[in-house]
Amino acid sequence: MSGRVSYLGEFEQVVMLAVIRLGDEAYGTNIRREIEARSGRQVTIGATYVTLDRLEGKGYLRAREGSPSVERSGRAKRFFSITTSGTAALEAARELQARMWAGIRLRGTRKA
């Protein structure tokens, strides 16, 4: 990826923040549970994995394989962590939101 930070959608930001919160326990099912617990909205595991794969493709997340487990029929979990580029993208998204919200009062505003 070039030095350019690409736009992050809302769900991408939420997934990345869940990865940061979960630290060493950031794998698909835990990420989905964290998002549901904090947002109060239902999230499918499919949407979670599609987004994780997309963020990994953008270079914002890194995945590593865990050890295979009997509970998972010998399959390994994929654990995710944020990259330096991912941190920069999240910061850019937060700064953009702050600039857009600066000076806005929703109560009493009229449509132009």
PDB file of N, CA and C in Angstrom:
ATOM      1  N   MET A   1       0.850  -1.191   0.000  1.00  0.00           N
ATOM      2  CA  MET A   1       0.000   0.000   0.000  1.00  0.00           C
ATOM      3  C   MET A   1       0.879   1.233   0.000  1.00  0.00           C
ATOM      4  N   SER A   2       0.467   2.246  -0.684  1.00  0.00           N
ATOM      5  CA  SER A   2       1.238   3.494  -0.736  1.00  0.00           C
ATOM      6  C   SER A   2       1.107   4.232   0.584  1.00  0.00           C
ATOM      7  N   GLY A   3       1.731   5.373   0.690  1.00  0.00           N
ATOM      8  CA  GLY A   3       1.674   6.162   1.913  1.00  0.00           C
ATOM      9  C   GLY A   3       0.321   6.809   2.140  1.00  0.00           C
ATOM     10  N   ARG A   4      -0.606   6.617   1.211  1.00  0.00           N
ATOM     11  CA  ARG A   4      -1.931   7.207   1.288  1.00  0.00           C
ATOM     12  C   ARG A   4      -2.817   6.392   2.225  1.00  0.00           C
ATOM     13  N   VAL A   5      -3.577   7.075   3.057  1.00  0.00           N
ATOM     14  CA  VAL A   5      -4.522   6.400   3.945  1.00  0.00           C
ATOM     15  C   VAL A   5      -5.863   6.370   3.232  1.00  0.00           C
ATOM     16  N   SER A   6      -6.457   5.176   3.087  1.00  0.00           N
ATOM     17  CA  SER A   6      -7.755   5.101   2.413  1.00  0.00           C
ATOM     18  C   SER A   6      -8.871   5.278   3.436  1.00  0.00           C
ATOM     19  N   TYR A   7     -10.030   5.648   2.921  1.00  0.00           N
ATOM     20  CA  TYR A   7     -11.210   5.872   3.731  1.00  0.00           C
ATOM     21  C   TYR A   7     -11.613   4.593   4.460  1.00  0.00           C
ATOM     22  N   LEU A   8     -11.992   4.724   5.715  1.00  0.00           N
ATOM     23  CA  LEU A   8     -12.506   3.602   6.498  1.00  0.00           C
ATOM     24  C   LEU A   8     -14.002   3.793   6.714  1.00  0.00           C
ATOM     25  N   GLY A   9     -14.766   2.762   6.420  1.00  0.00           N
ATOM     26  CA  GLY A   9     -16.187   2.795   6.713  1.00  0.00           C
ATOM     27  C   GLY A   9     -16.430   2.619   8.203  1.00  0.00           C
ATOM     28  N   GLU A  10     -17.655   2.883   8.618  1.00  0.00           N
ATOM     29  CA  GLU A  10     -18.000   2.784  10.035  1.00  0.00           C
ATOM     30  C   GLU A  10     -17.734   1.379  10.584  1.00  0.00           C
ATOM     31  N   PHE A  11     -18.192   0.344   9.872  1.00  0.00           N
ATOM     32  CA  PHE A  11     -18.014  -1.007  10.388  1.00  0.00           C
ATOM     33  C   PHE A  11     -16.542  -1.390  10.414  1.00  0.00           C
ATOM     34  N   GLU A  12     -15.768  -0.949   9.434  1.00  0.00           N
ATOM     35  CA  GLU A  12     -14.330  -1.208   9.449  1.00  0.00           C
ATOM     36  C   GLU A  12     -13.693  -0.604  10.699  1.00  0.00           C
ATOM     37  N   GLN A  13     -14.085   0.620  11.026  1.00  0.00           N
ATOM     38  CA  GLN A  13     -13.559   1.262  12.237  1.00  0.00           C
ATOM     39  C   GLN A  13     -13.945   0.479  13.487  1.00  0.00           C
ATOM     40  N   VAL A  14     -15.190   0.050  13.553  1.00  0.00           N
ATOM     41  CA  VAL A  14     -15.677  -0.705  14.710  1.00  0.00           C
ATOM     42  C   VAL A  14     -14.897  -2.013  14.856  1.00  0.00           C
ATOM     43  N   VAL A  15     -14.674  -2.706  13.745  1.00  0.00           N
ATOM     44  CA  VAL A  15     -13.919  -3.965  13.784  1.00  0.00           C
ATOM     45  C   VAL A  15     -12.496  -3.699  14.267  1.00  0.00           C
ATOM     46  N   MET A  16     -11.856  -2.670  13.740  1.00  0.00           N
ATOM     47  CA  MET A  16     -10.485  -2.374  14.155  1.00  0.00           C
ATOM     48  C   MET A  16     -10.406  -2.006  15.633  1.00  0.00           C
ATOM     49  N   LEU A  17     -11.374  -1.250  16.113  1.00  0.00           N
ATOM     50  CA  LEU A  17     -11.388  -0.893  17.533  1.00  0.00           C
ATOM     51  C   LEU A  17     -11.600  -2.118  18.405  1.00  0.00           C
ATOM     52  N   ALA A  18     -12.427  -3.055  17.957  1.00  0.00           N
ATOM     53  CA  ALA A  18     -12.622  -4.309  18.699  1.00  0.00           C
ATOM     54  C   ALA A  18     -11.322  -5.102  18.735  1.00  0.00           C
ATOM     55  N   VAL A  19     -10.593  -5.135  17.628  1.00  0.00           N
ATOM     56  CA  VAL A  19      -9.300  -5.833  17.591  1.00  0.00           C
ATOM     57  C   VAL A  19      -8.352  -5.228  18.625  1.00  0.00           C
ATOM     58  N   ILE A  20      -8.307  -3.909  18.683  1.00  0.00           N
ATOM     59  CA  ILE A  20      -7.429  -3.247  19.657  1.00  0.00           C
ATOM     60  C   ILE A  20      -7.858  -3.588  21.080  1.00  0.00           C
ATOM     61  N   ARG A  21      -9.146  -3.504  21.360  1.00  0.00           N
ATOM     62  CA  ARG A  21      -9.655  -3.796  22.713  1.00  0.00           C
ATOM     63  C   ARG A  21      -9.347  -5.224  23.152  1.00  0.00           C
ATOM     64  N   LEU A  22      -9.457  -6.174  22.226  1.00  0.00           N
ATOM     65  CA  LEU A  22      -9.284  -7.588  22.570  1.00  0.00           C
ATOM     66  C   LEU A  22      -7.829  -8.015  22.662  1.00  0.00           C
ATOM     67  N   GLY A  23      -6.927  -7.256  22.080  1.00  0.00           N
ATOM     68  CA  GLY A  23      -5.504  -7.589  22.170  1.00  0.00           C
ATOM     69  C   GLY A  23      -5.214  -8.991  21.669  1.00  0.00           C
ATOM     70  N   ASP A  24      -4.558  -9.802  22.496  1.00  0.00           N
ATOM     71  CA  ASP A  24      -4.159 -11.158  22.115  1.00  0.00           C
ATOM     72  C   ASP A  24      -5.328 -12.110  21.912  1.00  0.00           C
ATOM     73  N   GLU A  25      -6.530 -11.714  22.268  1.00  0.00           N
ATOM     74  CA  GLU A  25      -7.719 -12.565  22.120  1.00  0.00           C
ATOM     75  C   GLU A  25      -8.586 -12.133  20.941  1.00  0.00           C
ATOM     76  N   ALA A  26      -8.001 -11.385  19.989  1.00  0.00           N
ATOM     77  CA  ALA A  26      -8.762 -10.855  18.850  1.00  0.00           C
ATOM     78  C   ALA A  26      -8.837 -11.886  17.726  1.00  0.00           C
ATOM     79  N   TYR A  27      -9.855 -12.724  17.781  1.00  0.00           N
ATOM     80  CA  TYR A  27     -10.150 -13.654  16.684  1.00  0.00           C
ATOM     81  C   TYR A  27     -11.629 -13.490  16.344  1.00  0.00           C
ATOM     82  N   GLY A  28     -12.039 -13.994  15.196  1.00  0.00           N
ATOM     83  CA  GLY A  28     -13.355 -13.724  14.632  1.00  0.00           C
ATOM     84  C   GLY A  28     -14.522 -13.714  15.590  1.00  0.00           C
ATOM     85  N   THR A  29     -14.745 -14.816  16.289  1.00  0.00           N
ATOM     86  CA  THR A  29     -15.911 -14.910  17.171  1.00  0.00           C
ATOM     87  C   THR A  29     -15.837 -13.907  18.313  1.00  0.00           C
ATOM     88  N   ASN A  30     -14.666 -13.740  18.899  1.00  0.00           N
ATOM     89  CA  ASN A  30     -14.523 -12.757  19.979  1.00  0.00           C
ATOM     90  C   ASN A  30     -14.743 -11.337  19.476  1.00  0.00           C
ATOM     91  N   ILE A  31     -14.260 -11.050  18.283  1.00  0.00           N
ATOM     92  CA  ILE A  31     -14.440  -9.712  17.702  1.00  0.00           C
ATOM     93  C   ILE A  31     -15.932  -9.449  17.503  1.00  0.00           C
ATOM     94  N   ARG A  32     -16.643 -10.425  16.933  1.00  0.00           N
ATOM     95  CA  ARG A  32     -18.089 -10.278  16.739  1.00  0.00           C
ATOM     96  C   ARG A  32     -18.807 -10.053  18.071  1.00  0.00           C
ATOM     97  N   ARG A  33     -18.447 -10.832  19.080  1.00  0.00           N
ATOM     98  CA  ARG A  33     -19.079 -10.681  20.405  1.00  0.00           C
ATOM     99  C   ARG A  33     -18.799  -9.305  21.010  1.00  0.00           C
ATOM    100  N   GLU A  34     -17.581  -8.838  20.866  1.00  0.00           N
ATOM    101  CA  GLU A  34     -17.209  -7.520  21.404  1.00  0.00           C
ATOM    102  C   GLU A  34     -18.027  -6.419  20.741  1.00  0.00           C
ATOM    103  N   ILE A  35     -18.171  -6.504  19.440  1.00  0.00           N
ATOM    104  CA  ILE A  35     -18.955  -5.500  18.708  1.00  0.00           C
ATOM    105  C   ILE A  35     -20.410  -5.542  19.156  1.00  0.00           C
ATOM    106  N   GLU A  36     -20.978  -6.737  19.254  1.00  0.00           N
ATOM    107  CA  GLU A  36     -22.371  -6.858  19.683  1.00  0.00           C
ATOM    108  C   GLU A  36     -22.567  -6.328  21.096  1.00  0.00           C
ATOM    109  N   ALA A  37     -21.642  -6.650  21.987  1.00  0.00           N
ATOM    110  CA  ALA A  37     -21.760  -6.213  23.386  1.00  0.00           C
ATOM    111  C   ALA A  37     -21.685  -4.691  23.510  1.00  0.00           C
ATOM    112  N   ARG A  38     -20.803  -4.072  22.746  1.00  0.00           N
ATOM    113  CA  ARG A  38     -20.608  -2.630  22.869  1.00  0.00           C
ATOM    114  C   ARG A  38     -21.577  -1.818  22.024  1.00  0.00           C
ATOM    115  N   SER A  39     -22.037  -2.383  20.907  1.00  0.00           N
ATOM    116  CA  SER A  39     -22.898  -1.603  20.010  1.00  0.00           C
ATOM    117  C   SER A  39     -24.382  -1.901  20.208  1.00  0.00           C
ATOM    118  N   GLY A  40     -24.673  -3.082  20.763  1.00  0.00           N
ATOM    119  CA  GLY A  40     -26.064  -3.467  20.921  1.00  0.00           C
ATOM    120  C   GLY A  40     -26.722  -3.888  19.620  1.00  0.00           C
ATOM    121  N   ARG A  41     -25.925  -4.097  18.586  1.00  0.00           N
ATOM    122  CA  ARG A  41     -26.512  -4.534  17.314  1.00  0.00           C
ATOM    123  C   ARG A  41     -25.975  -5.909  16.929  1.00  0.00           C
ATOM    124  N   GLN A  42     -26.798  -6.669  16.217  1.00  0.00           N
ATOM    125  CA  GLN A  42     -26.418  -8.004  15.777  1.00  0.00           C
ATOM    126  C   GLN A  42     -25.405  -7.903  14.637  1.00  0.00           C
ATOM    127  N   VAL A  43     -24.411  -8.752  14.667  1.00  0.00           N
ATOM    128  CA  VAL A  43     -23.383  -8.791  13.634  1.00  0.00           C
ATOM    129  C   VAL A  43     -23.195 -10.245  13.235  1.00  0.00           C
ATOM    130  N   THR A  44     -23.223 -10.514  11.946  1.00  0.00           N
ATOM    131  CA  THR A  44     -23.002 -11.897  11.509  1.00  0.00           C
ATOM    132  C   THR A  44     -21.509 -12.190  11.491  1.00  0.00           C
ATOM    133  N   ILE A  45     -21.182 -13.451  11.689  1.00  0.00           N
ATOM    134  CA  ILE A  45     -19.775 -13.850  11.639  1.00  0.00           C
ATOM    135  C   ILE A  45     -19.243 -13.669  10.222  1.00  0.00           C
ATOM    136  N   GLY A  46     -20.116 -13.853   9.220  1.00  0.00           N
ATOM    137  CA  GLY A  46     -19.702 -13.656   7.836  1.00  0.00           C
ATOM    138  C   GLY A  46     -19.273 -12.221   7.563  1.00  0.00           C
ATOM    139  N   ALA A  47     -20.084 -11.260   8.024  1.00  0.00           N
ATOM    140  CA  ALA A  47     -19.734  -9.840   7.847  1.00  0.00           C
ATOM    141  C   ALA A  47     -18.441  -9.517   8.580  1.00  0.00           C
ATOM    142  N   THR A  48     -18.250 -10.127   9.732  1.00  0.00           N
ATOM    143  CA  THR A  48     -17.033  -9.901  10.503  1.00  0.00           C
ATOM    144  C   THR A  48     -15.817 -10.384   9.728  1.00  0.00           C
ATOM    145  N   TYR A  49     -15.870 -11.604   9.213  1.00  0.00           N
ATOM    146  CA  TYR A  49     -14.716 -12.153   8.500  1.00  0.00           C
ATOM    147  C   TYR A  49     -14.455 -11.454   7.167  1.00  0.00           C
ATOM    148  N   VAL A  50     -15.504 -11.072   6.459  1.00  0.00           N
ATOM    149  CA  VAL A  50     -15.309 -10.326   5.207  1.00  0.00           C
ATOM    150  C   VAL A  50     -14.563  -9.025   5.507  1.00  0.00           C
ATOM    151  N   THR A  51     -14.960  -8.358   6.567  1.00  0.00           N
ATOM    152  CA  THR A  51     -14.328  -7.087   6.935  1.00  0.00           C
ATOM    153  C   THR A  51     -12.901  -7.310   7.417  1.00  0.00           C
ATOM    154  N   LEU A  52     -12.670  -8.341   8.222  1.00  0.00           N
ATOM    155  CA  LEU A  52     -11.308  -8.656   8.665  1.00  0.00           C
ATOM    156  C   LEU A  52     -10.397  -8.931   7.469  1.00  0.00           C
ATOM    157  N   ASP A  53     -10.890  -9.705   6.513  1.00  0.00           N
ATOM    158  CA  ASP A  53     -10.094 -10.009   5.312  1.00  0.00           C
ATOM    159  C   ASP A  53      -9.797  -8.739   4.508  1.00  0.00           C
ATOM    160  N   ARG A  54     -10.816  -7.890   4.354  1.00  0.00           N
ATOM    161  CA  ARG A  54     -10.622  -6.630   3.614  1.00  0.00           C
ATOM    162  C   ARG A  54      -9.582  -5.749   4.308  1.00  0.00           C
ATOM    163  N   LEU A  55      -9.665  -5.640   5.630  1.00  0.00           N
ATOM    164  CA  LEU A  55      -8.714  -4.810   6.379  1.00  0.00           C
ATOM    165  C   LEU A  55      -7.306  -5.396   6.327  1.00  0.00           C
ATOM    166  N   GLU A  56      -7.221  -6.714   6.317  1.00  0.00           N
ATOM    167  CA  GLU A  56      -5.916  -7.351   6.169  1.00  0.00           C
ATOM    168  C   GLU A  56      -5.356  -7.053   4.769  1.00  0.00           C
ATOM    169  N   GLY A  57      -6.207  -7.105   3.752  1.00  0.00           N
ATOM    170  CA  GLY A  57      -5.796  -6.793   2.392  1.00  0.00           C
ATOM    171  C   GLY A  57      -5.324  -5.363   2.224  1.00  0.00           C
ATOM    172  N   LYS A  58      -5.928  -4.443   2.975  1.00  0.00           N
ATOM    173  CA  LYS A  58      -5.520  -3.033   2.940  1.00  0.00           C
ATOM    174  C   LYS A  58      -4.224  -2.805   3.713  1.00  0.00           C
ATOM    175  N   GLY A  59      -3.794  -3.806   4.462  1.00  0.00           N
ATOM    176  CA  GLY A  59      -2.589  -3.666   5.265  1.00  0.00           C
ATOM    177  C   GLY A  59      -2.833  -3.056   6.633  1.00  0.00           C
ATOM    178  N   TYR A  60      -4.100  -2.972   7.048  1.00  0.00           N
ATOM    179  CA  TYR A  60      -4.437  -2.347   8.326  1.00  0.00           C
ATOM    180  C   TYR A  60      -4.464  -3.343   9.485  1.00  0.00           C
ATOM    181  N   LEU A  61      -4.649  -4.617   9.155  1.00  0.00           N
ATOM    182  CA  LEU A  61      -4.601  -5.679  10.161  1.00  0.00           C
ATOM    183  C   LEU A  61      -3.617  -6.739   9.702  1.00  0.00           C
ATOM    184  N   ARG A  62      -3.072  -7.451  10.665  1.00  0.00           N
ATOM    185  CA  ARG A  62      -2.179  -8.587  10.406  1.00  0.00           C
ATOM    186  C   ARG A  62      -2.820  -9.797  11.074  1.00  0.00           C
ATOM    187  N   ALA A  63      -2.796 -10.932  10.375  1.00  0.00           N
ATOM    188  CA  ALA A  63      -3.366 -12.161  10.938  1.00  0.00           C
ATOM    189  C   ALA A  63      -2.250 -13.160  11.199  1.00  0.00           C
ATOM    190  N   ARG A  64      -2.435 -13.950  12.253  1.00  0.00           N
ATOM    191  CA  ARG A  64      -1.510 -15.054  12.539  1.00  0.00           C
ATOM    192  C   ARG A  64      -2.353 -16.250  12.947  1.00  0.00           C
ATOM    193  N   GLU A  65      -1.851 -17.410  12.613  1.00  0.00           N
ATOM    194  CA  GLU A  65      -2.552 -18.645  12.949  1.00  0.00           C
ATOM    195  C   GLU A  65      -2.202 -19.069  14.370  1.00  0.00           C
ATOM    196  N   GLY A  66      -3.229 -19.473  15.121  1.00  0.00           N
ATOM    197  CA  GLY A  66      -3.007 -20.052  16.436  1.00  0.00           C
ATOM    198  C   GLY A  66      -2.766 -21.544  16.291  1.00  0.00           C
ATOM    199  N   SER A  67      -2.710 -22.228  17.396  1.00  0.00           N
ATOM    200  CA  SER A  67      -2.527 -23.681  17.374  1.00  0.00           C
ATOM    201  C   SER A  67      -3.847 -24.367  17.064  1.00  0.00           C
ATOM    202  N   PRO A  68      -3.813 -25.456  16.309  1.00  0.00           N
ATOM    203  CA  PRO A  68      -5.050 -26.216  16.057  1.00  0.00           C
ATOM    204  C   PRO A  68      -5.623 -26.718  17.387  1.00  0.00           C
ATOM    205  N   SER A  69      -6.944 -26.807  17.456  1.00  0.00           N
ATOM    206  CA  SER A  69      -7.562 -27.267  18.696  1.00  0.00           C
ATOM    207  C   SER A  69      -8.580 -28.365  18.419  1.00  0.00           C
ATOM    208  N   VAL A  70      -8.766 -29.227  19.402  1.00  0.00           N
ATOM    209  CA  VAL A  70      -9.731 -30.316  19.308  1.00  0.00           C
ATOM    210  C   VAL A  70     -11.140 -29.739  19.194  1.00  0.00           C
ATOM    211  N   GLU A  71     -11.428 -28.671  19.966  1.00  0.00           N
ATOM    212  CA  GLU A  71     -12.756 -28.053  19.945  1.00  0.00           C
ATOM    213  C   GLU A  71     -13.124 -27.568  18.553  1.00  0.00           C
ATOM    214  N   ARG A  72     -12.128 -27.225  17.756  1.00  0.00           N
ATOM    215  CA  ARG A  72     -12.354 -26.699  16.405  1.00  0.00           C
ATOM    216  C   ARG A  72     -12.036 -27.755  15.346  1.00  0.00           C
ATOM    217  N   SER A  73     -12.141 -29.025  15.718  1.00  0.00           N
ATOM    218  CA  SER A  73     -11.884 -30.147  14.797  1.00  0.00           C
ATOM    219  C   SER A  73     -10.515 -30.042  14.133  1.00  0.00           C
ATOM    220  N   GLY A  74      -9.533 -29.613  14.909  1.00  0.00           N
ATOM    221  CA  GLY A  74      -8.166 -29.541  14.406  1.00  0.00           C
ATOM    222  C   GLY A  74      -7.828 -28.274  13.644  1.00  0.00           C
ATOM    223  N   ARG A  75      -8.789 -27.379  13.522  1.00  0.00           N
ATOM    224  CA  ARG A  75      -8.523 -26.117  12.822  1.00  0.00           C
ATOM    225  C   ARG A  75      -7.934 -25.095  13.795  1.00  0.00           C
ATOM    226  N   ALA A  76      -7.135 -24.199  13.245  1.00  0.00           N
ATOM    227  CA  ALA A  76      -6.517 -23.152  14.053  1.00  0.00           C
ATOM    228  C   ALA A  76      -7.331 -21.857  13.959  1.00  0.00           C
ATOM    229  N   LYS A  77      -7.349 -21.094  15.035  1.00  0.00           N
ATOM    230  CA  LYS A  77      -7.964 -19.767  15.013  1.00  0.00           C
ATOM    231  C   LYS A  77      -7.005 -18.802  14.323  1.00  0.00           C
ATOM    232  N   ARG A  78      -7.575 -17.792  13.668  1.00  0.00           N
ATOM    233  CA  ARG A  78      -6.762 -16.696  13.131  1.00  0.00           C
ATOM    234  C   ARG A  78      -6.891 -15.522  14.086  1.00  0.00           C
ATOM    235  N   PHE A  79      -5.777 -15.088  14.613  1.00  0.00           N
ATOM    236  CA  PHE A  79      -5.743 -13.955  15.531  1.00  0.00           C
ATOM    237  C   PHE A  79      -5.309 -12.711  14.764  1.00  0.00           C
ATOM    238  N   PHE A  80      -5.917 -11.580  15.084  1.00  0.00           N
ATOM    239  CA  PHE A  80      -5.654 -10.341  14.362  1.00  0.00           C
ATOM    240  C   PHE A  80      -5.031  -9.296  15.282  1.00  0.00           C
ATOM    241  N   SER A  81      -4.185  -8.469  14.671  1.00  0.00           N
ATOM    242  CA  SER A  81      -3.618  -7.309  15.377  1.00  0.00           C
ATOM    243  C   SER A  81      -3.558  -6.161  14.393  1.00  0.00           C
ATOM    244  N   ILE A  82      -3.549  -4.954  14.929  1.00  0.00           N
ATOM    245  CA  ILE A  82      -3.526  -3.761  14.081  1.00  0.00           C
ATOM    246  C   ILE A  82      -2.087  -3.443  13.681  1.00  0.00           C
ATOM    247  N   THR A  83      -1.926  -2.942  12.483  1.00  0.00           N
ATOM    248  CA  THR A  83      -0.605  -2.554  11.989  1.00  0.00           C
ATOM    249  C   THR A  83      -0.409  -1.052  12.203  1.00  0.00           C
ATOM    250  N   THR A  84       0.782  -0.585  11.932  1.00  0.00           N
ATOM    251  CA  THR A  84       1.069   0.851  12.006  1.00  0.00           C
ATOM    252  C   THR A  84       0.178   1.608  11.024  1.00  0.00           C
ATOM    253  N   SER A  85      -0.007   1.063   9.828  1.00  0.00           N
ATOM    254  CA  SER A  85      -0.888   1.689   8.836  1.00  0.00           C
ATOM    255  C   SER A  85      -2.333   1.714   9.331  1.00  0.00           C
ATOM    256  N   GLY A  86      -2.742   0.663  10.015  1.00  0.00           N
ATOM    257  CA  GLY A  86      -4.089   0.613  10.573  1.00  0.00           C
ATOM    258  C   GLY A  86      -4.304   1.667  11.636  1.00  0.00           C
ATOM    259  N   THR A  87      -3.312   1.839  12.479  1.00  0.00           N
ATOM    260  CA  THR A  87      -3.392   2.877  13.511  1.00  0.00           C
ATOM    261  C   THR A  87      -3.504   4.250  12.859  1.00  0.00           C
ATOM    262  N   ALA A  88      -2.707   4.495  11.816  1.00  0.00           N
ATOM    263  CA  ALA A  88      -2.753   5.777  11.107  1.00  0.00           C
ATOM    264  C   ALA A  88      -4.117   5.994  10.466  1.00  0.00           C
ATOM    265  N   ALA A  89      -4.698   4.941   9.886  1.00  0.00           N
ATOM    266  CA  ALA A  89      -6.015   5.057   9.257  1.00  0.00           C
ATOM    267  C   ALA A  89      -7.098   5.377  10.280  1.00  0.00           C
ATOM    268  N   LEU A  90      -7.033   4.737  11.447  1.00  0.00           N
ATOM    269  CA  LEU A  90      -8.004   5.026  12.512  1.00  0.00           C
ATOM    270  C   LEU A  90      -7.866   6.456  13.013  1.00  0.00           C
ATOM    271  N   GLU A  91      -6.638   6.897  13.199  1.00  0.00           N
ATOM    272  CA  GLU A  91      -6.408   8.277  13.645  1.00  0.00           C
ATOM    273  C   GLU A  91      -6.938   9.269  12.615  1.00  0.00           C
ATOM    274  N   ALA A  92      -6.695   8.996  11.337  1.00  0.00           N
ATOM    275  CA  ALA A  92      -7.182   9.880  10.274  1.00  0.00           C
ATOM    276  C   ALA A  92      -8.708   9.927  10.279  1.00  0.00           C
ATOM    277  N   ALA A  93      -9.353   8.775  10.490  1.00  0.00           N
ATOM    278  CA  ALA A  93     -10.817   8.723  10.540  1.00  0.00           C
ATOM    279  C   ALA A  93     -11.340   9.521  11.732  1.00  0.00           C
ATOM    280  N   ARG A  94     -10.679   9.393  12.874  1.00  0.00           N
ATOM    281  CA  ARG A  94     -11.105  10.146  14.062  1.00  0.00           C
ATOM    282  C   ARG A  94     -10.931  11.644  13.848  1.00  0.00           C
ATOM    283  N   GLU A  95      -9.811  12.038  13.241  1.00  0.00           N
ATOM    284  CA  GLU A  95      -9.567  13.459  12.979  1.00  0.00           C
ATOM    285  C   GLU A  95     -10.582  14.021  11.991  1.00  0.00           C
ATOM    286  N   LEU A  96     -10.925  13.247  10.959  1.00  0.00           N
ATOM    287  CA  LEU A  96     -11.926  13.689   9.994  1.00  0.00           C
ATOM    288  C   LEU A  96     -13.273  13.892  10.680  1.00  0.00           C
ATOM    289  N   GLN A  97     -13.673  12.934  11.509  1.00  0.00           N
ATOM    290  CA  GLN A  97     -14.934  13.062  12.241  1.00  0.00           C
ATOM    291  C   GLN A  97     -14.923  14.322  13.116  1.00  0.00           C
ATOM    292  N   ALA A  98     -13.829  14.547  13.809  1.00  0.00           N
ATOM    293  CA  ALA A  98     -13.734  15.727  14.682  1.00  0.00           C
ATOM    294  C   ALA A  98     -13.860  17.012  13.873  1.00  0.00           C
ATOM    295  N   ARG A  99     -13.196  17.080  12.711  1.00  0.00           N
ATOM    296  CA  ARG A  99     -13.287  18.283  11.866  1.00  0.00           C
ATOM    297  C   ARG A  99     -14.713  18.480  11.355  1.00  0.00           C
ATOM    298  N   MET A 100     -15.357  17.392  10.980  1.00  0.00           N
ATOM    299  CA  MET A 100     -16.720  17.498  10.462  1.00  0.00           C
ATOM    300  C   MET A 100     -17.717  17.897  11.552  1.00  0.00           C
ATOM    301  N   TRP A 101     -17.506  17.425  12.767  1.00  0.00           N
ATOM    302  CA  TRP A 101     -18.413  17.743  13.872  1.00  0.00           C
ATOM    303  C   TRP A 101     -18.127  19.111  14.493  1.00  0.00           C
ATOM    304  N   ALA A 102     -16.943  19.657  14.285  1.00  0.00           N
ATOM    305  CA  ALA A 102     -16.557  20.934  14.917  1.00  0.00           C
ATOM    306  C   ALA A 102     -17.590  22.021  14.617  1.00  0.00           C
ATOM    307  N   GLY A 103     -18.090  22.610  15.677  1.00  0.00           N
ATOM    308  CA  GLY A 103     -19.018  23.730  15.559  1.00  0.00           C
ATOM    309  C   GLY A 103     -20.456  23.365  15.249  1.00  0.00           C
ATOM    310  N   ILE A 104     -20.764  22.082  15.179  1.00  0.00           N
ATOM    311  CA  ILE A 104     -22.140  21.678  14.868  1.00  0.00           C
ATOM    312  C   ILE A 104     -22.927  21.495  16.159  1.00  0.00           C
ATOM    313  N   ARG A 105     -24.103  22.111  16.168  1.00  0.00           N
ATOM    314  CA  ARG A 105     -25.080  21.913  17.239  1.00  0.00           C
ATOM    315  C   ARG A 105     -26.313  21.328  16.598  1.00  0.00           C
ATOM    316  N   LEU A 106     -26.731  20.155  16.998  1.00  0.00           N
ATOM    317  CA  LEU A 106     -27.889  19.518  16.378  1.00  0.00           C
ATOM    318  C   LEU A 106     -29.206  20.070  16.876  1.00  0.00           C
ATOM    319  N   ARG A 107     -29.267  20.476  18.125  1.00  0.00           N
ATOM    320  CA  ARG A 107     -30.510  21.040  18.658  1.00  0.00           C
ATOM    321  C   ARG A 107     -30.698  22.443  18.109  1.00  0.00           C
ATOM    322  N   GLY A 108     -31.876  22.673  17.603  1.00  0.00           N
ATOM    323  CA  GLY A 108     -32.198  24.018  17.151  1.00  0.00           C
ATOM    324  C   GLY A 108     -31.616  24.382  15.792  1.00  0.00           C
ATOM    325  N   THR A 109     -30.956  23.450  15.125  1.00  0.00           N
ATOM    326  CA  THR A 109     -30.422  23.778  13.793  1.00  0.00           C
ATOM    327  C   THR A 109     -31.526  23.612  12.775  1.00  0.00           C
ATOM    328  N   ARG A 110     -31.432  24.405  11.723  1.00  0.00           N
ATOM    329  CA  ARG A 110     -32.405  24.313  10.644  1.00  0.00           C
ATOM    330  C   ARG A 110     -31.700  23.798   9.403  1.00  0.00           C
ATOM    331  N   LYS A 111     -32.473  23.108   8.567  1.00  0.00           N
ATOM    332  CA  LYS A 111     -31.928  22.652   7.298  1.00  0.00           C
ATOM    333  C   LYS A 111     -31.731  23.842   6.380  1.00  0.00           C
ATOM    334  N   ALA A 112     -30.678  23.784   5.606  1.00  0.00           N
ATOM    335  CA  ALA A 112     -30.398  24.878   4.666  1.00  0.00           C
ATOM    336  C   ALA A 112     -31.264  24.757   3.437  1.00  0.00           C
TER     337      ALA A 112
END
